[in-house]
Amino acid sequence: AHDLRRPKALLSSVAIMLIALALAGPQWGV
C-alpha cells in the first residue's frame, strides 16, 4: 500500500485544487 499512498494523495490534492479553480468560474471569449 505504501507505493500507492503518495499518488493517491497527490491526485486527491489536485482534484481539490481543480474544484476550487472551477468554483472561481474561469471564462474566455466574450
PDB file of all heavy atoms in Angstrom:
ATOM      1  N   ALA A   1       0.823  -1.214   0.000  1.00  0.00           N
ATOM      2  CA  ALA A   1       0.000   0.000   0.000  1.00  0.00           C
ATOM      3  C   ALA A   1       0.859   1.267   0.000  1.00  0.00           C
ATOM      4  O   ALA A   1       0.398   2.322  -0.414  1.00  0.00           O
ATOM      5  CB  ALA A   1      -0.930   0.007   1.201  1.00  0.00           C
ATOM      6  N   HIS A   2       2.105   1.167   0.449  1.00  0.00           N
ATOM      7  CA  HIS A   2       2.970   2.349   0.501  1.00  0.00           C
ATOM      8  C   HIS A   2       3.221   2.925  -0.892  1.00  0.00           C
ATOM      9  O   HIS A   2       3.401   4.119  -1.054  1.00  0.00           O
ATOM     10  CB  HIS A   2       4.309   2.013   1.165  1.00  0.00           C
ATOM     11  CG  HIS A   2       4.188   1.681   2.615  1.00  0.00           C
ATOM     12  ND1 HIS A   2       3.887   2.619   3.558  1.00  0.00           N
ATOM     13  CD2 HIS A   2       4.300   0.505   3.282  1.00  0.00           C
ATOM     14  CE1 HIS A   2       3.830   2.051   4.748  1.00  0.00           C
ATOM     15  NE2 HIS A   2       4.071   0.763   4.604  1.00  0.00           N
ATOM     16  N   ASP A   3       3.257   2.046  -1.883  1.00  0.00           N
ATOM     17  CA  ASP A   3       3.540   2.508  -3.240  1.00  0.00           C
ATOM     18  C   ASP A   3       2.434   3.403  -3.781  1.00  0.00           C
ATOM     19  O   ASP A   3       2.685   4.249  -4.629  1.00  0.00           O
ATOM     20  CB  ASP A   3       3.724   1.309  -4.175  1.00  0.00           C
ATOM     21  CG  ASP A   3       4.886   0.422  -3.757  1.00  0.00           C
ATOM     22  OD1 ASP A   3       5.792   0.931  -3.065  1.00  0.00           O
ATOM     23  OD2 ASP A   3       4.876  -0.762  -4.120  1.00  0.00           O
ATOM     24  N   LEU A   4       1.213   3.214  -3.332  1.00  0.00           N
ATOM     25  CA  LEU A   4       0.081   3.959  -3.882  1.00  0.00           C
ATOM     26  C   LEU A   4      -0.345   5.144  -3.029  1.00  0.00           C
ATOM     27  O   LEU A   4      -1.170   5.941  -3.466  1.00  0.00           O
ATOM     28  CB  LEU A   4      -1.108   3.014  -4.056  1.00  0.00           C
ATOM     29  CG  LEU A   4      -0.906   1.868  -5.040  1.00  0.00           C
ATOM     30  CD1 LEU A   4      -2.128   0.969  -5.070  1.00  0.00           C
ATOM     31  CD2 LEU A   4      -0.614   2.407  -6.425  1.00  0.00           C
ATOM     32  N   ARG A   5       0.183   5.280  -1.836  1.00  0.00           N
ATOM     33  CA  ARG A   5      -0.270   6.355  -0.948  1.00  0.00           C
ATOM     34  C   ARG A   5       0.043   7.734  -1.504  1.00  0.00           C
ATOM     35  O   ARG A   5      -0.803   8.606  -1.529  1.00  0.00           O
ATOM     36  CB  ARG A   5       0.358   6.193   0.433  1.00  0.00           C
ATOM     37  CG  ARG A   5      -0.321   5.125   1.228  1.00  0.00           C
ATOM     38  CD  ARG A   5       0.048   5.221   2.692  1.00  0.00           C
ATOM     39  NE  ARG A   5      -0.501   4.061   3.365  1.00  0.00           N
ATOM     40  CZ  ARG A   5       0.219   3.175   4.019  1.00  0.00           C
ATOM     41  NH1 ARG A   5       1.519   3.343   4.135  1.00  0.00           N
ATOM     42  NH2 ARG A   5      -0.348   2.150   4.587  1.00  0.00           N
ATOM     43  N   ARG A   6       1.259   7.940  -1.939  1.00  0.00           N
ATOM     44  CA  ARG A   6       1.637   9.264  -2.453  1.00  0.00           C
ATOM     45  C   ARG A   6       0.859   9.640  -3.721  1.00  0.00           C
ATOM     46  O   ARG A   6       0.338  10.750  -3.803  1.00  0.00           O
ATOM     47  CB  ARG A   6       3.136   9.328  -2.708  1.00  0.00           C
ATOM     48  CG  ARG A   6       3.921   9.660  -1.478  1.00  0.00           C
ATOM     49  CD  ARG A   6       5.237  10.315  -1.909  1.00  0.00           C
ATOM     50  NE  ARG A   6       6.042  10.710  -0.795  1.00  0.00           N
ATOM     51  CZ  ARG A   6       5.854  11.819  -0.101  1.00  0.00           C
ATOM     52  NH1 ARG A   6       4.873  12.606  -0.401  1.00  0.00           N
ATOM     53  NH2 ARG A   6       6.643  12.124   0.904  1.00  0.00           N
ATOM     54  N   PRO A   7       0.768   8.755  -4.720  1.00  0.00           N
ATOM     55  CA  PRO A   7      -0.014   9.130  -5.907  1.00  0.00           C
ATOM     56  C   PRO A   7      -1.490   9.397  -5.579  1.00  0.00           C
ATOM     57  O   PRO A   7      -2.088  10.320  -6.134  1.00  0.00           O
ATOM     58  CB  PRO A   7       0.121   7.928  -6.838  1.00  0.00           C
ATOM     59  CG  PRO A   7       1.364   7.240  -6.409  1.00  0.00           C
ATOM     60  CD  PRO A   7       1.478   7.497  -4.938  1.00  0.00           C
ATOM     61  N   LYS A   8      -2.060   8.604  -4.681  1.00  0.00           N
ATOM     62  CA  LYS A   8      -3.458   8.830  -4.299  1.00  0.00           C
ATOM     63  C   LYS A   8      -3.619  10.175  -3.607  1.00  0.00           C
ATOM     64  O   LYS A   8      -4.556  10.927  -3.902  1.00  0.00           O
ATOM     65  CB  LYS A   8      -3.946   7.704  -3.375  1.00  0.00           C
ATOM     66  CG  LYS A   8      -4.320   6.451  -4.110  1.00  0.00           C
ATOM     67  CD  LYS A   8      -4.639   5.276  -3.213  1.00  0.00           C
ATOM     68  CE  LYS A   8      -5.502   5.566  -2.056  1.00  0.00           C
ATOM     69  NZ  LYS A   8      -5.830   4.397  -1.250  1.00  0.00           N
ATOM     70  N   ALA A   9      -2.710  10.494  -2.721  1.00  0.00           N
ATOM     71  CA  ALA A   9      -2.779  11.776  -2.020  1.00  0.00           C
ATOM     72  C   ALA A   9      -2.559  12.927  -2.993  1.00  0.00           C
ATOM     73  O   ALA A   9      -3.249  13.949  -2.919  1.00  0.00           O
ATOM     74  CB  ALA A   9      -1.744  11.811  -0.898  1.00  0.00           C
ATOM     75  N   LEU A  10      -1.632  12.762  -3.913  1.00  0.00           N
ATOM     76  CA  LEU A  10      -1.368  13.811  -4.894  1.00  0.00           C
ATOM     77  C   LEU A  10      -2.573  14.029  -5.809  1.00  0.00           C
ATOM     78  O   LEU A  10      -2.980  15.167  -6.059  1.00  0.00           O
ATOM     79  CB  LEU A  10      -0.131  13.456  -5.715  1.00  0.00           C
ATOM     80  CG  LEU A  10       0.326  14.501  -6.714  1.00  0.00           C
ATOM     81  CD1 LEU A  10       0.756  15.769  -5.974  1.00  0.00           C
ATOM     82  CD2 LEU A  10       1.460  13.971  -7.559  1.00  0.00           C
ATOM     83  N   LEU A  11      -3.175  12.947  -6.282  1.00  0.00           N
ATOM     84  CA  LEU A  11      -4.352  13.072  -7.146  1.00  0.00           C
ATOM     85  C   LEU A  11      -5.531  13.684  -6.394  1.00  0.00           C
ATOM     86  O   LEU A  11      -6.283  14.496  -6.958  1.00  0.00           O
ATOM     87  CB  LEU A  11      -4.728  11.715  -7.728  1.00  0.00           C
ATOM     88  CG  LEU A  11      -3.798  11.192  -8.814  1.00  0.00           C
ATOM     89  CD1 LEU A  11      -4.191   9.779  -9.224  1.00  0.00           C
ATOM     90  CD2 LEU A  11      -3.800  12.108 -10.015  1.00  0.00           C
ATOM     91  N   SER A  12      -5.692  13.319  -5.136  1.00  0.00           N
ATOM     92  CA  SER A  12      -6.767  13.916  -4.337  1.00  0.00           C
ATOM     93  C   SER A  12      -6.527  15.408  -4.156  1.00  0.00           C
ATOM     94  O   SER A  12      -7.459  16.212  -4.253  1.00  0.00           O
ATOM     95  CB  SER A  12      -6.856  13.239  -2.968  1.00  0.00           C
ATOM     96  OG  SER A  12      -7.161  11.888  -3.114  1.00  0.00           O
ATOM     97  N   SER A  13      -5.295  15.783  -3.917  1.00  0.00           N
ATOM     98  CA  SER A  13      -4.960  17.195  -3.745  1.00  0.00           C
ATOM     99  C   SER A  13      -5.203  17.982  -5.025  1.00  0.00           C
ATOM    100  O   SER A  13      -5.764  19.076  -5.000  1.00  0.00           O
ATOM    101  CB  SER A  13      -3.502  17.340  -3.330  1.00  0.00           C
ATOM    102  OG  SER A  13      -3.263  16.629  -2.153  1.00  0.00           O
ATOM    103  N   VAL A  14      -4.800  17.415  -6.146  1.00  0.00           N
ATOM    104  CA  VAL A  14      -5.026  18.081  -7.432  1.00  0.00           C
ATOM    105  C   VAL A  14      -6.519  18.212  -7.700  1.00  0.00           C
ATOM    106  O   VAL A  14      -6.986  19.250  -8.180  1.00  0.00           O
ATOM    107  CB  VAL A  14      -4.306  17.320  -8.565  1.00  0.00           C
ATOM    108  CG1 VAL A  14      -4.737  17.820  -9.929  1.00  0.00           C
ATOM    109  CG2 VAL A  14      -2.803  17.443  -8.410  1.00  0.00           C
ATOM    110  N   ALA A  15      -7.284  17.182  -7.366  1.00  0.00           N
ATOM    111  CA  ALA A  15      -8.734  17.246  -7.562  1.00  0.00           C
ATOM    112  C   ALA A  15      -9.356  18.355  -6.725  1.00  0.00           C
ATOM    113  O   ALA A  15     -10.208  19.110  -7.207  1.00  0.00           O
ATOM    114  CB  ALA A  15      -9.367  15.893  -7.213  1.00  0.00           C
ATOM    115  N   ILE A  16      -8.922  18.498  -5.479  1.00  0.00           N
ATOM    116  CA  ILE A  16      -9.445  19.555  -4.613  1.00  0.00           C
ATOM    117  C   ILE A  16      -9.098  20.922  -5.189  1.00  0.00           C
ATOM    118  O   ILE A  16      -9.941  21.832  -5.226  1.00  0.00           O
ATOM    119  CB  ILE A  16      -8.888  19.405  -3.180  1.00  0.00           C
ATOM    120  CG1 ILE A  16      -9.500  18.174  -2.510  1.00  0.00           C
ATOM    121  CG2 ILE A  16      -9.165  20.647  -2.346  1.00  0.00           C
ATOM    122  CD1 ILE A  16      -8.843  17.797  -1.207  1.00  0.00           C
ATOM    123  N   MET A  17      -7.878  21.079  -5.686  1.00  0.00           N
ATOM    124  CA  MET A  17      -7.485  22.369  -6.255  1.00  0.00           C
ATOM    125  C   MET A  17      -8.241  22.666  -7.549  1.00  0.00           C
ATOM    126  O   MET A  17      -8.637  23.807  -7.797  1.00  0.00           O
ATOM    127  CB  MET A  17      -5.981  22.403  -6.490  1.00  0.00           C
ATOM    128  CG  MET A  17      -5.195  22.503  -5.194  1.00  0.00           C
ATOM    129  SD  MET A  17      -3.447  22.731  -5.448  1.00  0.00           S
ATOM    130  CE  MET A  17      -2.944  21.091  -5.868  1.00  0.00           C
ATOM    131  N   LEU A  18      -8.504  21.662  -8.362  1.00  0.00           N
ATOM    132  CA  LEU A  18      -9.263  21.879  -9.593  1.00  0.00           C
ATOM    133  C   LEU A  18     -10.717  22.235  -9.294  1.00  0.00           C
ATOM    134  O   LEU A  18     -11.318  23.051 -10.001  1.00  0.00           O
ATOM    135  CB  LEU A  18      -9.182  20.649 -10.495  1.00  0.00           C
ATOM    136  CG  LEU A  18      -7.829  20.430 -11.169  1.00  0.00           C
ATOM    137  CD1 LEU A  18      -7.829  19.122 -11.951  1.00  0.00           C
ATOM    138  CD2 LEU A  18      -7.472  21.589 -12.073  1.00  0.00           C
ATOM    139  N   ILE A  19     -11.280  21.640  -8.263  1.00  0.00           N
ATOM    140  CA  ILE A  19     -12.644  22.007  -7.857  1.00  0.00           C
ATOM    141  C   ILE A  19     -12.668  23.460  -7.399  1.00  0.00           C
ATOM    142  O   ILE A  19     -13.571  24.229  -7.755  1.00  0.00           O
ATOM    143  CB  ILE A  19     -13.153  21.050  -6.758  1.00  0.00           C
ATOM    144  CG1 ILE A  19     -13.428  19.670  -7.348  1.00  0.00           C
ATOM    145  CG2 ILE A  19     -14.409  21.610  -6.090  1.00  0.00           C
ATOM    146  CD1 ILE A  19     -13.708  18.602  -6.327  1.00  0.00           C
ATOM    147  N   ALA A  20     -11.676  23.858  -6.623  1.00  0.00           N
ATOM    148  CA  ALA A  20     -11.601  25.254  -6.171  1.00  0.00           C
ATOM    149  C   ALA A  20     -11.433  26.194  -7.361  1.00  0.00           C
ATOM    150  O   ALA A  20     -12.046  27.269  -7.406  1.00  0.00           O
ATOM    151  CB  ALA A  20     -10.452  25.427  -5.183  1.00  0.00           C
ATOM    152  N   LEU A  21     -10.640  25.794  -8.347  1.00  0.00           N
ATOM    153  CA  LEU A  21     -10.470  26.611  -9.545  1.00  0.00           C
ATOM    154  C   LEU A  21     -11.778  26.701 -10.332  1.00  0.00           C
ATOM    155  O   LEU A  21     -12.140  27.766 -10.836  1.00  0.00           O
ATOM    156  CB  LEU A  21      -9.364  26.026 -10.427  1.00  0.00           C
ATOM    157  CG  LEU A  21      -9.032  26.797 -11.697  1.00  0.00           C
ATOM    158  CD1 LEU A  21      -8.465  28.168 -11.335  1.00  0.00           C
ATOM    159  CD2 LEU A  21      -8.043  26.018 -12.536  1.00  0.00           C
ATOM    160  N   ALA A  22     -12.509  25.608 -10.408  1.00  0.00           N
ATOM    161  CA  ALA A  22     -13.796  25.619 -11.114  1.00  0.00           C
ATOM    162  C   ALA A  22     -14.800  26.523 -10.419  1.00  0.00           C
ATOM    163  O   ALA A  22     -15.636  27.162 -11.074  1.00  0.00           O
ATOM    164  CB  ALA A  22     -14.339  24.196 -11.222  1.00  0.00           C
ATOM    165  N   LEU A  23     -14.737  26.601  -9.092  1.00  0.00           N
ATOM    166  CA  LEU A  23     -15.644  27.481  -8.351  1.00  0.00           C
ATOM    167  C   LEU A  23     -15.396  28.950  -8.670  1.00  0.00           C
ATOM    168  O   LEU A  23     -16.297  29.780  -8.550  1.00  0.00           O
ATOM    169  CB  LEU A  23     -15.503  27.255  -6.849  1.00  0.00           C
ATOM    170  CG  LEU A  23     -16.104  25.964  -6.319  1.00  0.00           C
ATOM    171  CD1 LEU A  23     -15.770  25.798  -4.838  1.00  0.00           C
ATOM    172  CD2 LEU A  23     -17.598  25.937  -6.522  1.00  0.00           C
ATOM    173  N   ALA A  24     -14.188  29.280  -9.105  1.00  0.00           N
ATOM    174  CA  ALA A  24     -13.880  30.664  -9.468  1.00  0.00           C
ATOM    175  C   ALA A  24     -14.523  31.039 -10.805  1.00  0.00           C
ATOM    176  O   ALA A  24     -14.610  32.212 -11.138  1.00  0.00           O
ATOM    177  CB  ALA A  24     -12.373  30.877  -9.528  1.00  0.00           C
ATOM    178  N   GLY A  25     -14.992  30.059 -11.567  1.00  0.00           N
ATOM    179  CA  GLY A  25     -15.694  30.326 -12.816  1.00  0.00           C
ATOM    180  C   GLY A  25     -14.820  30.887 -13.911  1.00  0.00           C
ATOM    181  O   GLY A  25     -15.035  32.012 -14.349  1.00  0.00           O
ATOM    182  N   PRO A  26     -13.827  30.120 -14.378  1.00  0.00           N
ATOM    183  CA  PRO A  26     -12.977  30.636 -15.448  1.00  0.00           C
ATOM    184  C   PRO A  26     -13.797  30.915 -16.708  1.00  0.00           C
ATOM    185  O   PRO A  26     -14.722  30.165 -17.026  1.00  0.00           O
ATOM    186  CB  PRO A  26     -11.961  29.518 -15.678  1.00  0.00           C
ATOM    187  CG  PRO A  26     -12.573  28.293 -15.114  1.00  0.00           C
ATOM    188  CD  PRO A  26     -13.494  28.741 -14.023  1.00  0.00           C
ATOM    189  N   GLN A  27     -13.458  32.010 -17.385  1.00  0.00           N
ATOM    190  CA  GLN A  27     -14.199  32.410 -18.582  1.00  0.00           C
ATOM    191  C   GLN A  27     -13.226  32.846 -19.658  1.00  0.00           C
ATOM    192  O   GLN A  27     -12.168  33.397 -19.368  1.00  0.00           O
ATOM    193  CB  GLN A  27     -15.122  33.590 -18.264  1.00  0.00           C
ATOM    194  CG  GLN A  27     -16.130  33.306 -17.203  1.00  0.00           C
ATOM    195  CD  GLN A  27     -16.948  34.542 -16.864  1.00  0.00           C
ATOM    196  OE1 GLN A  27     -16.580  35.648 -17.195  1.00  0.00           O
ATOM    197  NE2 GLN A  27     -18.058  34.340 -16.187  1.00  0.00           N
ATOM    198  N   TRP A  28     -13.579  32.632 -20.895  1.00  0.00           N
ATOM    199  CA  TRP A  28     -12.812  33.164 -22.009  1.00  0.00           C
ATOM    200  C   TRP A  28     -13.782  33.424 -23.154  1.00  0.00           C
ATOM    201  O   TRP A  28     -14.793  32.782 -23.288  1.00  0.00           O
ATOM    202  CB  TRP A  28     -11.686  32.233 -22.447  1.00  0.00           C
ATOM    203  CG  TRP A  28     -12.118  30.839 -22.708  1.00  0.00           C
ATOM    204  CD1 TRP A  28     -12.564  30.311 -23.870  1.00  0.00           C
ATOM    205  CD2 TRP A  28     -12.149  29.774 -21.758  1.00  0.00           C
ATOM    206  NE1 TRP A  28     -12.880  28.995 -23.714  1.00  0.00           N
ATOM    207  CE2 TRP A  28     -12.631  28.634 -22.416  1.00  0.00           C
ATOM    208  CE3 TRP A  28     -11.812  29.670 -20.416  1.00  0.00           C
ATOM    209  CZ2 TRP A  28     -12.791  27.410 -21.783  1.00  0.00           C
ATOM    210  CZ3 TRP A  28     -11.985  28.455 -19.803  1.00  0.00           C
ATOM    211  CH2 TRP A  28     -12.456  27.347 -20.482  1.00  0.00           C
ATOM    212  N   GLY A  29     -13.454  34.414 -23.932  1.00  0.00           N
ATOM    213  CA  GLY A  29     -14.318  34.818 -25.037  1.00  0.00           C
ATOM    214  C   GLY A  29     -15.522  35.589 -24.529  1.00  0.00           C
ATOM    215  O   GLY A  29     -16.129  35.228 -23.528  1.00  0.00           O
ATOM    216  N   VAL A  30     -15.858  36.674 -25.211  1.00  0.00           N
ATOM    217  CA  VAL A  30     -16.995  37.482 -24.797  1.00  0.00           C
ATOM    218  C   VAL A  30     -17.933  37.608 -25.987  1.00  0.00           C
ATOM    219  O   VAL A  30     -17.511  37.900 -27.105  1.00  0.00           O
ATOM    220  CB  VAL A  30     -16.538  38.890 -24.345  1.00  0.00           C
ATOM    221  CG1 VAL A  30     -17.735  39.751 -23.999  1.00  0.00           C
ATOM    222  CG2 VAL A  30     -15.589  38.782 -23.168  1.00  0.00           C
TER     223      VAL A  30
END
